[in-house]
N, C-alpha and C. Protein backbone atom coordinates (compact mmCIF):
# COMPACT_ATOMS: atom_id res chain seq x y z
N MET A 1 74.98 123.35 -183.74
CA MET A 1 76.34 123.19 -184.23
C MET A 1 76.82 121.78 -183.91
N ILE A 2 77.47 121.18 -184.88
CA ILE A 2 78.05 119.84 -184.73
C ILE A 2 79.55 119.96 -184.94
N ILE A 3 80.32 119.36 -184.06
CA ILE A 3 81.77 119.25 -184.26
C ILE A 3 82.02 117.81 -184.68
N ARG A 4 82.57 117.64 -185.85
CA ARG A 4 82.75 116.30 -186.41
C ARG A 4 84.14 116.17 -187.03
N PRO A 5 84.59 114.93 -187.23
CA PRO A 5 85.87 114.74 -187.93
C PRO A 5 85.78 115.28 -189.36
N GLY A 6 86.87 115.86 -189.83
CA GLY A 6 86.92 116.35 -191.20
C GLY A 6 86.91 115.21 -192.20
N GLN A 7 86.40 115.50 -193.39
CA GLN A 7 86.32 114.52 -194.47
C GLN A 7 86.92 115.14 -195.72
N GLU A 8 87.30 114.31 -196.66
CA GLU A 8 87.87 114.81 -197.91
C GLU A 8 86.92 115.78 -198.61
N SER A 9 85.62 115.56 -198.49
CA SER A 9 84.65 116.45 -199.14
C SER A 9 84.64 117.85 -198.53
N ASP A 10 85.24 118.03 -197.35
CA ASP A 10 85.33 119.34 -196.72
C ASP A 10 86.44 120.20 -197.32
N ARG A 11 87.40 119.57 -197.95
CA ARG A 11 88.63 120.25 -198.38
C ARG A 11 88.39 121.54 -199.17
N PRO A 12 87.58 121.57 -200.21
CA PRO A 12 87.41 122.83 -200.96
C PRO A 12 86.88 123.97 -200.09
N PHE A 13 85.97 123.66 -199.21
CA PHE A 13 85.39 124.67 -198.33
C PHE A 13 86.41 125.16 -197.30
N LEU A 14 87.15 124.21 -196.73
CA LEU A 14 88.13 124.57 -195.71
C LEU A 14 89.31 125.32 -196.30
N ARG A 15 89.69 125.01 -197.52
CA ARG A 15 90.74 125.78 -198.19
C ARG A 15 90.34 127.25 -198.27
N THR A 16 89.12 127.49 -198.70
CA THR A 16 88.63 128.86 -198.85
C THR A 16 88.54 129.55 -197.49
N LEU A 17 88.02 128.85 -196.50
CA LEU A 17 87.90 129.41 -195.16
C LEU A 17 89.29 129.76 -194.60
N PHE A 18 90.25 128.88 -194.76
CA PHE A 18 91.61 129.08 -194.26
C PHE A 18 92.24 130.33 -194.88
N LEU A 19 92.13 130.47 -196.18
CA LEU A 19 92.71 131.62 -196.87
C LEU A 19 92.04 132.92 -196.43
N ARG A 20 90.74 132.93 -196.42
CA ARG A 20 89.99 134.15 -196.05
C ARG A 20 90.23 134.53 -194.59
N ALA A 21 90.17 133.57 -193.69
CA ALA A 21 90.32 133.86 -192.27
C ALA A 21 91.72 134.37 -191.95
N ARG A 22 92.75 133.80 -192.59
CA ARG A 22 94.11 134.29 -192.34
C ARG A 22 94.26 135.72 -192.82
N LYS A 23 93.72 136.03 -193.99
CA LYS A 23 93.84 137.39 -194.51
C LYS A 23 93.18 138.41 -193.59
N ILE A 24 92.06 138.04 -193.01
CA ILE A 24 91.34 138.95 -192.12
C ILE A 24 91.98 138.99 -190.73
N SER A 25 92.42 137.84 -190.23
CA SER A 25 92.97 137.75 -188.86
C SER A 25 94.40 138.23 -188.75
N TRP A 26 95.15 138.17 -189.84
CA TRP A 26 96.57 138.54 -189.81
C TRP A 26 96.85 139.68 -190.80
N PRO A 27 96.22 140.85 -190.62
CA PRO A 27 96.37 141.94 -191.60
C PRO A 27 97.79 142.50 -191.69
N TRP A 28 98.63 142.24 -190.71
CA TRP A 28 100.00 142.74 -190.72
C TRP A 28 100.91 141.92 -191.63
N MET A 29 100.44 140.76 -192.08
CA MET A 29 101.26 139.89 -192.91
C MET A 29 101.00 140.14 -194.39
N ASN A 30 102.02 139.89 -195.21
CA ASN A 30 101.89 139.99 -196.66
C ASN A 30 101.23 138.71 -197.16
N SER A 31 100.00 138.82 -197.59
CA SER A 31 99.24 137.63 -198.02
C SER A 31 99.23 137.46 -199.54
N SER A 32 100.02 138.22 -200.24
CA SER A 32 99.95 138.22 -201.71
C SER A 32 100.30 136.87 -202.34
N GLU A 33 101.07 136.05 -201.64
CA GLU A 33 101.46 134.76 -202.22
C GLU A 33 100.70 133.58 -201.60
N TRP A 34 99.77 133.86 -200.71
CA TRP A 34 98.99 132.78 -200.12
C TRP A 34 98.07 132.18 -201.15
N GLN A 35 97.87 130.87 -201.06
CA GLN A 35 97.03 130.15 -202.01
C GLN A 35 96.07 129.22 -201.27
N LEU A 36 95.03 128.80 -201.99
CA LEU A 36 94.08 127.86 -201.41
C LEU A 36 94.76 126.58 -200.94
N GLU A 37 95.75 126.13 -201.71
CA GLU A 37 96.44 124.88 -201.40
C GLU A 37 97.30 124.95 -200.15
N ASP A 38 97.51 126.14 -199.60
CA ASP A 38 98.26 126.25 -198.34
C ASP A 38 97.59 125.44 -197.23
N PHE A 39 96.29 125.31 -197.31
CA PHE A 39 95.55 124.51 -196.33
C PHE A 39 96.07 123.07 -196.31
N ASP A 40 96.33 122.52 -197.49
CA ASP A 40 96.77 121.12 -197.59
C ASP A 40 98.08 120.90 -196.84
N ALA A 41 99.04 121.79 -197.04
CA ALA A 41 100.33 121.66 -196.37
C ALA A 41 100.20 121.92 -194.87
N ALA A 42 99.34 122.86 -194.49
CA ALA A 42 99.19 123.25 -193.08
C ALA A 42 98.49 122.19 -192.25
N THR A 43 97.80 121.26 -192.88
CA THR A 43 97.03 120.26 -192.15
C THR A 43 97.45 118.82 -192.47
N LEU A 44 98.52 118.66 -193.22
CA LEU A 44 98.97 117.33 -193.65
C LEU A 44 99.19 116.41 -192.45
N ASP A 45 98.59 115.25 -192.50
CA ASP A 45 98.73 114.21 -191.46
C ASP A 45 98.18 114.63 -190.10
N GLU A 46 97.30 115.60 -190.07
CA GLU A 46 96.70 116.05 -188.81
C GLU A 46 95.25 115.61 -188.73
N GLN A 47 94.77 115.48 -187.50
CA GLN A 47 93.35 115.21 -187.27
C GLN A 47 92.59 116.52 -187.46
N LEU A 48 91.61 116.50 -188.34
CA LEU A 48 90.78 117.67 -188.59
C LEU A 48 89.46 117.54 -187.87
N TRP A 49 89.04 118.64 -187.25
CA TRP A 49 87.72 118.75 -186.64
C TRP A 49 87.02 119.92 -187.31
N VAL A 50 85.77 119.70 -187.71
CA VAL A 50 85.00 120.70 -188.44
C VAL A 50 83.78 121.09 -187.63
N ALA A 51 83.56 122.40 -187.54
CA ALA A 51 82.32 122.91 -186.94
C ALA A 51 81.32 123.10 -188.06
N ASP A 52 80.21 122.41 -187.97
CA ASP A 52 79.18 122.42 -189.00
C ASP A 52 77.92 123.05 -188.41
N ILE A 53 77.46 124.11 -189.05
CA ILE A 53 76.22 124.77 -188.64
C ILE A 53 75.27 124.75 -189.83
N ASP A 54 74.24 123.93 -189.72
CA ASP A 54 73.24 123.80 -190.79
C ASP A 54 73.88 123.57 -192.15
N GLY A 55 74.89 122.70 -192.20
CA GLY A 55 75.53 122.36 -193.46
C GLY A 55 76.63 123.31 -193.89
N HIS A 56 76.85 124.37 -193.13
CA HIS A 56 77.92 125.31 -193.46
C HIS A 56 79.14 125.00 -192.58
N ARG A 57 80.30 124.90 -193.19
CA ARG A 57 81.53 124.66 -192.44
C ARG A 57 81.96 126.00 -191.85
N ALA A 58 81.69 126.17 -190.56
CA ALA A 58 81.87 127.46 -189.90
C ALA A 58 83.27 127.62 -189.31
N GLY A 59 84.04 126.56 -189.22
CA GLY A 59 85.38 126.63 -188.69
C GLY A 59 86.01 125.26 -188.65
N PHE A 60 87.31 125.24 -188.36
CA PHE A 60 88.00 123.95 -188.25
C PHE A 60 89.18 124.09 -187.30
N ALA A 61 89.60 122.96 -186.81
CA ALA A 61 90.83 122.85 -186.03
C ALA A 61 91.60 121.66 -186.56
N SER A 62 92.93 121.76 -186.52
CA SER A 62 93.76 120.62 -186.89
C SER A 62 94.78 120.38 -185.79
N VAL A 63 95.01 119.09 -185.50
CA VAL A 63 95.82 118.70 -184.35
C VAL A 63 96.83 117.64 -184.76
N TRP A 64 98.08 117.82 -184.32
CA TRP A 64 99.07 116.75 -184.39
C TRP A 64 98.82 115.92 -183.15
N GLU A 65 98.10 114.82 -183.33
CA GLU A 65 97.63 114.05 -182.18
C GLU A 65 98.76 113.48 -181.32
N SER A 66 99.82 113.00 -181.93
CA SER A 66 100.89 112.37 -181.15
C SER A 66 101.56 113.36 -180.19
N ASP A 67 101.48 114.66 -180.50
CA ASP A 67 102.10 115.68 -179.66
C ASP A 67 101.08 116.51 -178.88
N ASN A 68 99.79 116.20 -179.02
CA ASN A 68 98.76 117.03 -178.40
C ASN A 68 98.95 118.50 -178.78
N PHE A 69 99.27 118.73 -180.06
CA PHE A 69 99.60 120.08 -180.54
C PHE A 69 98.49 120.61 -181.44
N LEU A 70 97.86 121.68 -180.99
CA LEU A 70 96.83 122.35 -181.79
C LEU A 70 97.55 123.23 -182.80
N HIS A 71 97.54 122.82 -184.04
CA HIS A 71 98.28 123.52 -185.09
C HIS A 71 97.47 124.65 -185.71
N ASN A 72 96.20 124.43 -185.92
CA ASN A 72 95.34 125.43 -186.55
C ASN A 72 93.98 125.46 -185.87
N LEU A 73 93.44 126.66 -185.72
CA LEU A 73 92.05 126.82 -185.32
C LEU A 73 91.58 128.11 -185.99
N PHE A 74 90.70 127.96 -186.96
CA PHE A 74 90.19 129.11 -187.71
C PHE A 74 88.68 129.04 -187.79
N VAL A 75 88.06 130.20 -187.65
CA VAL A 75 86.61 130.34 -187.73
C VAL A 75 86.30 131.25 -188.91
N ASP A 76 85.33 130.85 -189.70
CA ASP A 76 84.85 131.70 -190.80
C ASP A 76 84.50 133.06 -190.21
N PRO A 77 85.04 134.15 -190.77
CA PRO A 77 84.74 135.48 -190.22
C PRO A 77 83.24 135.77 -190.09
N ASP A 78 82.41 135.19 -190.95
CA ASP A 78 80.96 135.40 -190.87
C ASP A 78 80.33 134.69 -189.66
N PHE A 79 81.07 133.79 -189.02
CA PHE A 79 80.54 133.02 -187.90
C PHE A 79 81.25 133.33 -186.58
N GLN A 80 82.14 134.30 -186.59
CA GLN A 80 82.84 134.64 -185.35
C GLN A 80 81.87 135.25 -184.35
N GLY A 81 82.14 134.98 -183.09
CA GLY A 81 81.28 135.48 -182.01
C GLY A 81 80.07 134.61 -181.74
N ARG A 82 80.02 133.43 -182.33
CA ARG A 82 78.88 132.52 -182.14
C ARG A 82 79.26 131.25 -181.39
N GLY A 83 80.44 131.21 -180.79
CA GLY A 83 80.84 130.04 -180.02
C GLY A 83 81.52 128.95 -180.82
N VAL A 84 81.80 129.20 -182.09
CA VAL A 84 82.42 128.18 -182.95
C VAL A 84 83.82 127.85 -182.45
N GLY A 85 84.63 128.88 -182.21
CA GLY A 85 85.98 128.66 -181.72
C GLY A 85 85.98 127.93 -180.38
N HIS A 86 85.08 128.33 -179.50
CA HIS A 86 84.96 127.70 -178.18
C HIS A 86 84.64 126.20 -178.34
N ALA A 87 83.68 125.89 -179.20
CA ALA A 87 83.28 124.48 -179.39
C ALA A 87 84.42 123.66 -179.98
N LEU A 88 85.12 124.22 -180.96
CA LEU A 88 86.26 123.51 -181.55
C LEU A 88 87.35 123.29 -180.51
N LEU A 89 87.65 124.32 -179.74
CA LEU A 89 88.71 124.21 -178.74
C LEU A 89 88.35 123.18 -177.68
N GLU A 90 87.10 123.16 -177.23
CA GLU A 90 86.69 122.15 -176.26
C GLU A 90 86.84 120.73 -176.82
N LYS A 91 86.49 120.55 -178.09
CA LYS A 91 86.65 119.23 -178.70
C LYS A 91 88.11 118.82 -178.74
N VAL A 92 88.95 119.74 -179.20
CA VAL A 92 90.38 119.45 -179.28
C VAL A 92 90.93 119.11 -177.89
N GLN A 93 90.62 119.92 -176.90
CA GLN A 93 91.12 119.69 -175.55
C GLN A 93 90.67 118.34 -175.01
N SER A 94 89.48 117.91 -175.39
CA SER A 94 88.97 116.62 -174.91
C SER A 94 89.74 115.44 -175.49
N THR A 95 90.49 115.67 -176.56
CA THR A 95 91.26 114.58 -177.17
C THR A 95 92.69 114.50 -176.63
N PHE A 96 93.12 115.50 -175.87
CA PHE A 96 94.49 115.51 -175.36
C PHE A 96 94.69 114.38 -174.37
N THR A 97 95.85 113.73 -174.46
CA THR A 97 96.21 112.66 -173.53
C THR A 97 97.19 113.16 -172.47
N SER A 98 97.72 114.35 -172.67
CA SER A 98 98.60 115.01 -171.69
C SER A 98 98.55 116.50 -172.00
N THR A 99 99.49 117.26 -171.51
CA THR A 99 99.51 118.71 -171.71
C THR A 99 99.41 119.05 -173.20
N GLY A 100 98.48 119.93 -173.52
CA GLY A 100 98.33 120.40 -174.88
C GLY A 100 99.25 121.58 -175.14
N ALA A 101 99.57 121.81 -176.41
CA ALA A 101 100.44 122.91 -176.77
C ALA A 101 99.95 123.56 -178.05
N LEU A 102 100.31 124.83 -178.21
CA LEU A 102 100.05 125.56 -179.45
C LEU A 102 101.00 126.74 -179.51
N LYS A 103 101.13 127.31 -180.70
CA LYS A 103 101.88 128.53 -180.89
C LYS A 103 100.90 129.59 -181.36
N CYS A 104 100.92 130.75 -180.71
CA CYS A 104 100.02 131.86 -181.05
C CYS A 104 100.89 133.05 -181.41
N LEU A 105 100.70 133.60 -182.60
CA LEU A 105 101.48 134.76 -183.00
C LEU A 105 101.26 135.91 -182.03
N VAL A 106 102.34 136.54 -181.61
CA VAL A 106 102.26 137.63 -180.64
C VAL A 106 101.35 138.74 -181.13
N GLN A 107 101.41 139.04 -182.43
CA GLN A 107 100.59 140.13 -182.97
C GLN A 107 99.11 139.78 -183.04
N ASN A 108 98.77 138.52 -182.85
CA ASN A 108 97.38 138.10 -182.91
C ASN A 108 96.75 138.20 -181.51
N GLU A 109 96.59 139.42 -181.05
CA GLU A 109 96.07 139.69 -179.70
C GLU A 109 94.70 139.05 -179.46
N HIS A 110 93.85 139.08 -180.47
CA HIS A 110 92.50 138.51 -180.33
C HIS A 110 92.60 137.02 -179.99
N ALA A 111 93.44 136.28 -180.72
CA ALA A 111 93.60 134.85 -180.47
C ALA A 111 94.24 134.61 -179.11
N LEU A 112 95.25 135.42 -178.77
CA LEU A 112 95.91 135.26 -177.47
C LEU A 112 94.91 135.38 -176.33
N GLN A 113 94.07 136.38 -176.38
CA GLN A 113 93.06 136.57 -175.33
C GLN A 113 92.06 135.41 -175.31
N PHE A 114 91.70 134.91 -176.48
CA PHE A 114 90.80 133.76 -176.58
C PHE A 114 91.39 132.56 -175.84
N TYR A 115 92.64 132.24 -176.12
CA TYR A 115 93.27 131.07 -175.48
C TYR A 115 93.43 131.28 -173.97
N LEU A 116 93.82 132.47 -173.57
CA LEU A 116 93.95 132.74 -172.13
C LEU A 116 92.62 132.56 -171.41
N ARG A 117 91.53 133.03 -172.03
CA ARG A 117 90.19 132.86 -171.42
C ARG A 117 89.82 131.40 -171.27
N HIS A 118 90.38 130.55 -172.10
CA HIS A 118 90.05 129.12 -172.08
C HIS A 118 91.07 128.28 -171.32
N GLY A 119 91.87 128.93 -170.46
CA GLY A 119 92.74 128.18 -169.57
C GLY A 119 94.13 127.88 -170.07
N TRP A 120 94.49 128.38 -171.24
CA TRP A 120 95.84 128.17 -171.75
C TRP A 120 96.78 129.15 -171.06
N GLN A 121 98.04 128.76 -170.95
CA GLN A 121 99.03 129.60 -170.28
C GLN A 121 100.21 129.85 -171.21
N GLN A 122 100.71 131.09 -171.17
CA GLN A 122 101.90 131.45 -171.94
C GLN A 122 103.11 130.87 -171.23
N GLU A 123 103.90 130.08 -171.96
CA GLU A 123 105.05 129.41 -171.36
C GLU A 123 106.37 130.00 -171.82
N ALA A 124 106.48 130.38 -173.08
CA ALA A 124 107.73 130.88 -173.63
C ALA A 124 107.42 131.65 -174.90
N GLN A 125 108.41 132.40 -175.35
CA GLN A 125 108.26 133.13 -176.61
C GLN A 125 109.30 132.61 -177.59
N GLY A 126 108.93 132.58 -178.88
CA GLY A 126 109.83 132.11 -179.92
C GLY A 126 109.70 132.93 -181.18
N ILE A 127 110.49 132.57 -182.17
CA ILE A 127 110.50 133.28 -183.45
C ILE A 127 110.24 132.26 -184.56
N SER A 128 109.38 132.63 -185.49
CA SER A 128 109.08 131.78 -186.64
C SER A 128 109.10 132.64 -187.91
N PRO A 129 109.03 132.03 -189.08
CA PRO A 129 108.96 132.82 -190.31
C PRO A 129 107.74 133.75 -190.36
N ASP A 130 106.69 133.41 -189.62
CA ASP A 130 105.48 134.24 -189.59
C ASP A 130 105.56 135.34 -188.53
N GLY A 131 106.60 135.33 -187.70
CA GLY A 131 106.75 136.34 -186.67
C GLY A 131 106.92 135.73 -185.30
N ASP A 132 107.08 136.58 -184.30
CA ASP A 132 107.21 136.12 -182.92
C ASP A 132 105.93 135.42 -182.48
N TYR A 133 106.10 134.41 -181.64
CA TYR A 133 104.93 133.67 -181.16
C TYR A 133 105.08 133.36 -179.68
N TRP A 134 103.93 133.09 -179.07
CA TRP A 134 103.88 132.55 -177.72
C TRP A 134 103.71 131.05 -177.81
N LEU A 135 104.50 130.29 -177.09
CA LEU A 135 104.25 128.88 -176.89
C LEU A 135 103.30 128.81 -175.70
N MET A 136 102.17 128.15 -175.90
CA MET A 136 101.15 128.08 -174.86
C MET A 136 100.86 126.62 -174.52
N HIS A 137 100.52 126.39 -173.27
CA HIS A 137 100.20 125.03 -172.81
C HIS A 137 98.82 125.01 -172.17
N TYR A 138 98.18 123.85 -172.31
CA TYR A 138 96.91 123.58 -171.65
C TYR A 138 97.11 122.32 -170.83
N ARG A 139 97.00 122.46 -169.54
CA ARG A 139 97.22 121.31 -168.67
C ARG A 139 95.89 120.66 -168.30
N LEU A 140 95.86 119.35 -168.42
CA LEU A 140 94.66 118.61 -168.07
C LEU A 140 94.41 118.71 -166.57
N ALA A 141 93.15 118.79 -166.22
CA ALA A 141 92.79 118.92 -164.79
C ALA A 141 92.96 117.60 -164.07
């Protein structure tokens, strides 16, 4: 597995991955209006990191670098359980210049447990159009 910066040529694949992974990971949400192009808005002006396994884009993360904010981390459902999320998260954390932050939907228990296992801490709870979320921080050692 290689973690590399995203490229424009990744966009069609990552659009599909983003749509499919959200539908599977967030079954409580109404996905009827989600589109492939949602990826473009969700990652605009962010640093993209792509997990590449033998030429297959197995996952991605996007970061607002100026805020050390992990905005998206999605793994292709066919590649879950293979360390893709772990590798992407380690790469993202290695780029932080101070405390990292992310928002994790409260209903996304699987993701919450993933971040807690990797040293993230729940700091506060908030409300968004997608539902209640945990604000989580990752403090550099």
